[in-house]
Amino acid sequence: MERTAQLNRKTAETDISIELILDGSGKHEIETGFKFMDHMLVLLTRHSGIDLMVKASGDLTHHIIEDIGIVLGECFAKALGDKKGINRYGSALIPMDESIARCVIDFCGRKALILDLKLNECDIEDVAVEDVRHFYNSFAENAKMNLHLHVLYGDDQHHKVEAAFKALARAIKEAIKIVSDEIPSTKGVL
C-alpha cells in the first residue's frame, strides 16, 4: 500500500500545492517564498524520512504559512488512511545547541494542541512568531492529531523553533512506522 497524498488548495488569498510520500527518504522540493519556513520544512522532511514537495504563493505571510499547515495536515491524514498498522504514537527530545524541544504526538483522529515554544514576540528571520504558532495549529487540526510541543529552554529564537521542528519530525517518524497489521485502537477505528 502506497502511503502518499497530493493536494492543492487555491483560494482568493493563496495557492498551495503539496505532495507527500510517507515512506520516503527525505527528498524535498520546498518553495514557500519564506527562507525560514523553507528551512523548517526541509528539517521536517530530513528528520522524519518523508518525501515532501511544497509550492506555495499568496498575498500575506500569515495566509501562506497557515494554509501550508492546513494542506500538510490534510496530506498526512490522507496518506495515513485508516492508520492500519501504524505505531500511532511518537515522541522525541531534541537539542539544537542551547535549546531543547520535546514533542509527543498521537495520530488518533482528534485534534489537541498544547504548544509552549517559549518564543519572544518578534520575527524569526522572515517569519513572525505568531505565524509559526498558526502553522502548528493548522497542521494539528488537519492531520487530526494530538500535538504536544514544548521548548524546555533556550535563548536563540531560531534554535528554539528549529529544535521544535526536529522534535516533531522525529516523533512523526516513530508514529507513522508500520508495526503490525491492525488498527492501533481498542475502538477498532482511528
Protein backbone atom coordinates (compact mmCIF):
# COMPACT_ATOMS: atom_id res chain seq x y z
CA MET A 1 0.00 0.00 0.00
CA GLU A 2 1.40 3.36 -1.02
CA ARG A 3 1.12 5.96 1.69
CA THR A 4 1.06 9.12 -0.38
CA ALA A 5 -1.04 12.23 -0.85
CA GLN A 6 -1.10 15.09 -3.30
CA LEU A 7 -3.37 18.06 -2.58
CA ASN A 8 -3.89 21.58 -3.82
CA ARG A 9 -5.62 24.45 -2.07
CA LYS A 10 -6.37 27.51 -4.14
CA THR A 11 -8.23 30.41 -2.52
CA ALA A 12 -8.52 34.13 -3.21
CA GLU A 13 -5.52 34.51 -0.86
CA THR A 14 -3.21 31.53 -1.51
CA ASP A 15 -2.20 28.80 -3.92
CA ILE A 16 -0.69 25.80 -2.09
CA SER A 17 0.40 22.52 -3.68
CA ILE A 18 1.82 19.69 -1.55
CA GLU A 19 2.91 16.17 -2.41
CA LEU A 20 3.79 13.81 0.46
CA ILE A 21 5.31 10.33 0.49
CA LEU A 22 5.40 8.89 4.00
CA ASP A 23 7.73 6.01 3.11
CA GLY A 24 10.35 8.24 1.56
CA SER A 25 13.99 9.01 2.07
CA GLY A 26 13.99 12.70 2.98
CA LYS A 27 13.79 14.09 -0.56
CA HIS A 28 12.35 17.56 -0.79
CA GLU A 29 11.44 20.43 -3.08
CA ILE A 30 10.30 23.30 -0.90
CA GLU A 31 9.30 26.72 -2.25
CA THR A 32 7.21 28.71 0.22
CA GLY A 33 8.63 32.14 -0.55
CA PHE A 34 10.00 32.37 3.02
CA LYS A 35 13.55 31.23 3.66
CA PHE A 36 12.93 30.36 7.31
CA MET A 37 9.82 28.29 6.51
CA ASP A 38 11.68 26.53 3.70
CA HIS A 39 14.46 25.69 6.16
CA MET A 40 12.00 24.34 8.76
CA LEU A 41 10.15 22.16 6.22
CA VAL A 42 13.45 20.78 4.91
CA LEU A 43 14.33 19.85 8.53
CA LEU A 44 10.92 18.22 8.94
CA THR A 45 11.48 16.19 5.79
CA ARG A 46 15.04 15.10 6.53
CA HIS A 47 14.47 14.09 10.14
CA SER A 48 11.15 12.29 9.56
CA GLY A 49 12.30 10.42 6.46
CA ILE A 50 9.29 11.55 4.42
CA ASP A 51 9.50 12.97 0.91
CA LEU A 52 7.85 16.36 0.55
CA MET A 53 7.15 18.77 -2.27
CA VAL A 54 5.69 22.16 -1.33
CA LYS A 55 4.95 25.04 -3.68
CA ALA A 56 3.21 28.00 -2.08
CA SER A 57 2.33 31.54 -3.04
CA GLY A 58 -0.18 34.12 -1.92
CA ASP A 59 -0.91 37.57 -0.64
CA LEU A 60 0.25 37.63 3.01
CA THR A 61 2.81 35.67 5.00
CA HIS A 62 0.18 34.74 7.59
CA HIS A 63 -2.20 33.29 4.98
CA ILE A 64 0.51 31.35 3.17
CA ILE A 65 2.04 29.74 6.28
CA GLU A 66 -1.34 28.93 7.82
CA ASP A 67 -2.53 27.35 4.56
CA ILE A 68 0.67 25.31 4.26
CA GLY A 69 -0.17 23.89 7.70
CA ILE A 70 -3.73 23.11 6.56
CA VAL A 71 -2.68 21.31 3.38
CA LEU A 72 0.23 19.48 5.00
CA GLY A 73 -2.09 18.24 7.75
CA GLU A 74 -4.66 17.12 5.17
CA CYS A 75 -1.90 15.27 3.29
CA PHE A 76 -0.87 13.39 6.44
CA ALA A 77 -4.49 12.45 7.16
CA LYS A 78 -4.99 11.23 3.60
CA ALA A 79 -1.66 9.35 3.37
CA LEU A 80 -2.25 7.60 6.72
CA GLY A 81 -5.70 6.45 5.56
CA ASP A 82 -7.34 4.15 8.12
CA LYS A 83 -3.98 4.07 10.01
CA LYS A 84 -3.88 0.29 9.94
CA GLY A 85 -0.62 -0.98 11.38
CA ILE A 86 0.93 2.35 12.36
CA ASN A 87 2.68 2.83 15.66
CA ARG A 88 0.28 5.77 16.20
CA TYR A 89 2.31 7.43 18.96
CA GLY A 90 5.63 9.18 18.64
CA SER A 91 7.88 11.22 20.89
CA ALA A 92 11.24 12.93 20.74
CA LEU A 93 13.51 15.07 22.86
CA ILE A 94 15.83 17.04 20.57
CA PRO A 95 18.60 19.55 21.26
CA MET A 96 19.64 22.38 18.97
CA ASP A 97 22.70 23.98 20.50
CA GLU A 98 21.47 25.65 23.74
CA SER A 99 17.79 24.78 23.12
CA ILE A 100 15.85 21.59 23.81
CA ALA A 101 12.40 20.71 22.49
CA ARG A 102 10.08 17.84 23.42
CA CYS A 103 7.34 16.59 21.11
CA VAL A 104 4.74 13.92 21.82
CA ILE A 105 2.11 13.07 19.19
CA ASP A 106 -0.81 10.74 18.63
CA PHE A 107 -2.40 10.25 15.21
CA CYS A 108 -5.69 9.46 16.95
CA GLY A 109 -8.17 11.19 14.63
CA ARG A 110 -8.79 14.12 17.00
CA LYS A 111 -7.05 17.47 17.29
CA ALA A 112 -5.46 18.61 20.50
CA LEU A 113 -2.68 21.15 20.58
CA ILE A 114 -0.55 22.02 23.58
CA LEU A 115 2.12 24.41 22.40
CA ASP A 116 4.74 26.15 24.51
CA LEU A 117 7.63 27.34 22.37
CA LYS A 118 8.89 29.98 24.82
CA LEU A 119 9.26 32.46 21.97
CA ASN A 120 9.57 36.21 22.25
CA GLU A 121 7.11 38.23 20.19
CA CYS A 122 9.30 39.07 17.22
CA ASP A 123 10.18 37.91 13.76
CA ILE A 124 12.45 34.91 13.28
CA GLU A 125 14.33 35.62 10.08
CA ASP A 126 11.48 36.38 7.62
CA VAL A 127 8.60 34.80 9.60
CA ALA A 128 6.61 36.18 12.55
CA VAL A 129 6.37 34.11 15.73
CA GLU A 130 2.57 34.10 15.50
CA ASP A 131 2.80 32.50 12.06
CA VAL A 132 4.88 29.64 13.48
CA ARG A 133 2.13 29.07 16.05
CA HIS A 134 -0.56 29.21 13.35
CA PHE A 135 1.34 26.65 11.28
CA TYR A 136 1.36 24.14 14.16
CA ASN A 137 -2.32 24.76 14.93
CA SER A 138 -3.40 24.30 11.31
CA PHE A 139 -1.21 21.22 10.91
CA ALA A 140 -2.53 19.50 14.07
CA GLU A 141 -6.15 20.30 13.26
CA ASN A 142 -6.00 18.99 9.71
CA ALA A 143 -3.81 15.96 10.45
CA LYS A 144 -6.36 15.13 13.16
CA MET A 145 -3.67 14.55 15.73
CA ASN A 146 -2.74 15.32 19.30
CA LEU A 147 0.37 17.50 19.22
CA HIS A 148 2.17 18.40 22.44
CA LEU A 149 5.20 20.51 21.60
CA HIS A 150 7.32 22.24 24.21
CA VAL A 151 10.60 24.08 24.11
CA LEU A 152 12.03 23.29 27.53
CA TYR A 153 14.66 26.01 27.37
CA GLY A 154 16.84 28.01 25.03
CA ASP A 155 17.95 31.52 24.22
CA ASP A 156 18.07 31.82 20.43
CA GLN A 157 14.64 32.12 18.77
CA HIS A 158 15.81 30.36 15.60
CA HIS A 159 17.31 27.48 17.61
CA LYS A 160 14.12 27.02 19.66
CA VAL A 161 11.94 26.72 16.55
CA GLU A 162 14.50 24.50 14.83
CA ALA A 163 14.57 22.16 17.84
CA ALA A 164 10.75 22.09 17.79
CA PHE A 165 10.58 21.17 14.09
CA LYS A 166 13.23 18.48 14.51
CA ALA A 167 11.39 17.04 17.53
CA LEU A 168 8.15 16.99 15.55
CA ALA A 169 9.93 15.26 12.67
CA ARG A 170 11.37 12.52 14.86
CA ALA A 171 8.02 11.99 16.61
CA ILE A 172 6.34 11.67 13.19
CA LYS A 173 8.96 9.15 12.08
CA GLU A 174 8.16 6.98 15.10
CA ALA A 175 4.37 7.38 14.88
CA ILE A 176 3.99 6.52 11.17
CA LYS A 177 6.10 3.35 11.35
CA ILE A 178 4.23 0.21 10.40
CA VAL A 179 4.44 -2.12 13.40
CA SER A 180 1.51 -4.53 12.92
CA ASP A 181 -1.41 -5.29 10.62
CA GLU A 182 -4.07 -3.94 12.99
CA ILE A 183 -5.60 -0.57 13.71
CA PRO A 184 -3.95 0.55 16.97
CA SER A 185 -7.11 1.30 18.92
CA THR A 186 -9.46 -0.57 21.23
CA LYS A 187 -12.30 1.08 19.26
CA GLY A 188 -11.13 -0.54 16.05
CA VAL A 189 -11.01 2.84 14.25
CA LEU A 190 -8.92 5.98 14.48
